[in-house]
Protein backbone atom coordinates (compact mmCIF):
# COMPACT_ATOMS: atom_id res chain seq x y z
CA MET A 1 9.95 5.42 -22.07
CA GLU A 2 8.86 2.57 -24.20
CA GLY A 3 10.65 -0.69 -23.68
CA LEU A 4 11.59 0.08 -20.08
CA ASP A 5 11.78 -3.32 -18.32
CA LEU A 6 12.24 -3.02 -14.57
CA ASN A 7 12.16 -6.81 -14.03
CA LEU A 8 10.23 -6.56 -10.75
CA ASP A 9 8.78 -10.13 -10.73
CA LEU A 10 5.98 -9.23 -8.33
CA ASN A 11 4.09 -12.57 -8.57
CA LEU A 12 0.84 -10.99 -7.42
CA GLY A 13 -1.16 -14.14 -8.07
CA ALA A 14 1.34 -16.54 -6.47
CA GLU A 15 -0.13 -19.24 -4.30
CA VAL A 16 0.90 -19.57 -0.67
CA PRO A 17 2.21 -23.07 0.07
CA PRO A 18 -0.19 -25.03 2.26
CA GLN A 19 0.66 -25.22 5.94
CA LYS A 20 1.55 -28.66 7.28
CA LEU A 21 -1.15 -30.03 9.60
CA TYR A 22 -1.74 -33.20 11.59
CA ASN A 23 -5.23 -33.77 12.96
CA GLY A 24 -5.99 -30.18 11.94
CA LYS A 25 -3.20 -28.66 14.05
CA SER A 26 0.15 -27.30 12.93
CA GLU A 27 1.67 -28.02 16.37
CA TYR A 28 1.52 -31.77 15.66
CA ALA A 29 2.79 -31.61 12.05
CA PRO A 30 5.87 -33.52 10.85
CA PRO A 31 8.80 -33.87 10.99
CA TYR A 32 8.91 -35.99 14.12
CA PHE A 33 11.78 -36.89 16.43
CA THR A 34 12.55 -39.51 19.08
CA ILE A 35 13.97 -37.79 22.16
CA ASN A 36 15.17 -38.66 25.64
CA VAL A 37 14.66 -36.10 28.41
CA GLN A 38 17.33 -36.67 31.02
CA HIS A 39 16.43 -37.59 34.57
CA VAL A 40 17.01 -34.72 36.99
CA GLU A 41 17.16 -35.35 40.73
CA HIS A 42 14.32 -33.75 42.74
CA MET A 43 12.22 -33.18 39.61
CA PRO A 44 9.06 -35.02 38.52
CA GLU A 45 9.40 -38.17 36.39
CA TYR A 46 8.00 -36.27 33.40
CA GLU A 47 8.39 -32.92 31.69
CA VAL A 48 5.46 -30.88 30.37
CA VAL A 49 6.03 -28.96 27.12
CA GLY A 50 3.47 -26.68 25.49
CA VAL A 51 3.06 -24.98 22.11
CA ASN A 52 0.16 -22.60 21.44
CA GLY A 53 -1.97 -24.14 24.17
CA GLU A 54 -1.25 -27.74 23.09
CA VAL A 55 0.58 -29.61 25.85
CA ILE A 56 2.41 -32.94 25.87
CA GLN A 57 3.87 -34.83 28.81
CA ILE A 58 7.26 -36.49 28.17
CA THR A 59 8.52 -39.20 30.53
CA ARG A 60 12.11 -38.71 31.67
CA GLY A 61 14.83 -41.28 31.06
CA ILE A 62 13.22 -43.23 28.19
CA ASP A 63 13.20 -42.78 24.41
CA VAL A 64 9.90 -41.15 23.44
CA PRO A 65 9.00 -41.29 19.71
CA ASN A 66 6.78 -39.04 17.59
CA ILE A 67 7.61 -35.69 19.18
CA PRO A 68 6.72 -32.98 16.63
CA GLU A 69 9.26 -30.37 15.58
CA ALA A 70 7.30 -27.52 17.20
CA PHE A 71 7.88 -29.07 20.64
CA ILE A 72 11.58 -29.66 19.86
CA LYS A 73 11.93 -25.95 19.12
CA VAL A 74 10.47 -25.12 22.53
CA LEU A 75 12.94 -27.48 24.23
CA LYS A 76 15.82 -26.01 22.23
CA ASN A 77 14.92 -22.43 23.14
CA SER A 78 14.23 -23.03 26.84
CA ILE A 79 17.33 -21.88 28.66
CA THR A 80 18.19 -20.84 32.18
CA SER A 81 21.35 -19.53 33.83
CA LYS A 82 23.68 -21.35 36.16
CA MET A 83 26.52 -19.93 38.21
CA PHE A 84 29.97 -21.40 37.57
CA THR A 85 32.94 -20.78 39.84
CA LYS A 86 36.46 -20.58 38.48
CA LYS A 87 39.46 -20.75 40.81
CA ASN A 88 42.39 -18.56 39.81
CA PRO A 89 46.04 -19.55 40.41
CA ASP A 90 46.32 -16.89 43.12
CA GLY A 91 43.55 -18.59 45.13
CA SER A 92 40.80 -16.10 44.32
CA GLU A 93 37.50 -17.16 42.77
CA GLU A 94 35.55 -15.75 39.85
CA HIS A 95 31.81 -16.30 39.57
CA GLU A 96 30.16 -16.26 36.19
CA TRP A 97 26.57 -16.86 35.08
CA ARG A 98 26.30 -18.98 31.91
CA PRO A 99 23.24 -20.04 29.91
CA VAL A 100 22.38 -23.75 30.12
CA ALA A 101 19.47 -25.87 28.88
CA ALA A 102 16.48 -25.59 31.20
CA ILE A 103 15.29 -29.05 30.14
CA PRO A 104 18.22 -31.34 29.34
CA TYR A 105 17.30 -33.61 26.42
CA SER A 106 18.89 -35.39 23.50
CA VAL A 107 17.56 -36.26 20.05
CA VAL A 108 17.85 -40.03 19.62
CA GLU A 109 16.39 -40.29 16.11
CA GLY A 110 14.95 -38.01 13.51
CA PRO A 111 13.73 -36.21 11.63
CA TYR A 112 11.21 -38.62 10.10
CA HIS A 113 7.93 -37.76 8.37
CA GLU A 114 5.69 -40.70 9.28
CA ARG A 115 4.58 -41.37 12.86
CA LYS A 116 5.90 -44.60 14.36
CA ASP A 117 3.59 -47.20 15.84
CA ALA A 118 3.51 -47.23 19.61
């Protein structure tokens, strides 16, 4: 069995790429985004978003810079259901639950890798 080359490429001594950190925490690492959380009637003027015990408060209705990607992922994955009613031509109604964003927001700018001055 000499000369048998299985070409496994195990890379046993390969280095793990360093994790991105900002102030010692991966939750605040770049890239950053500028977002605008939409104003919702009968809701507070801010939204609270948390990642791994780190919490930020985002004011509604204004462009907020320097939001780390980890918090954007939480906003993207936060969904709820809303009932929609469809009227049929025969006058009957159909009710259907559809997933919608729990926290309506939009990305104004990003991604960028350096924090912007306040």
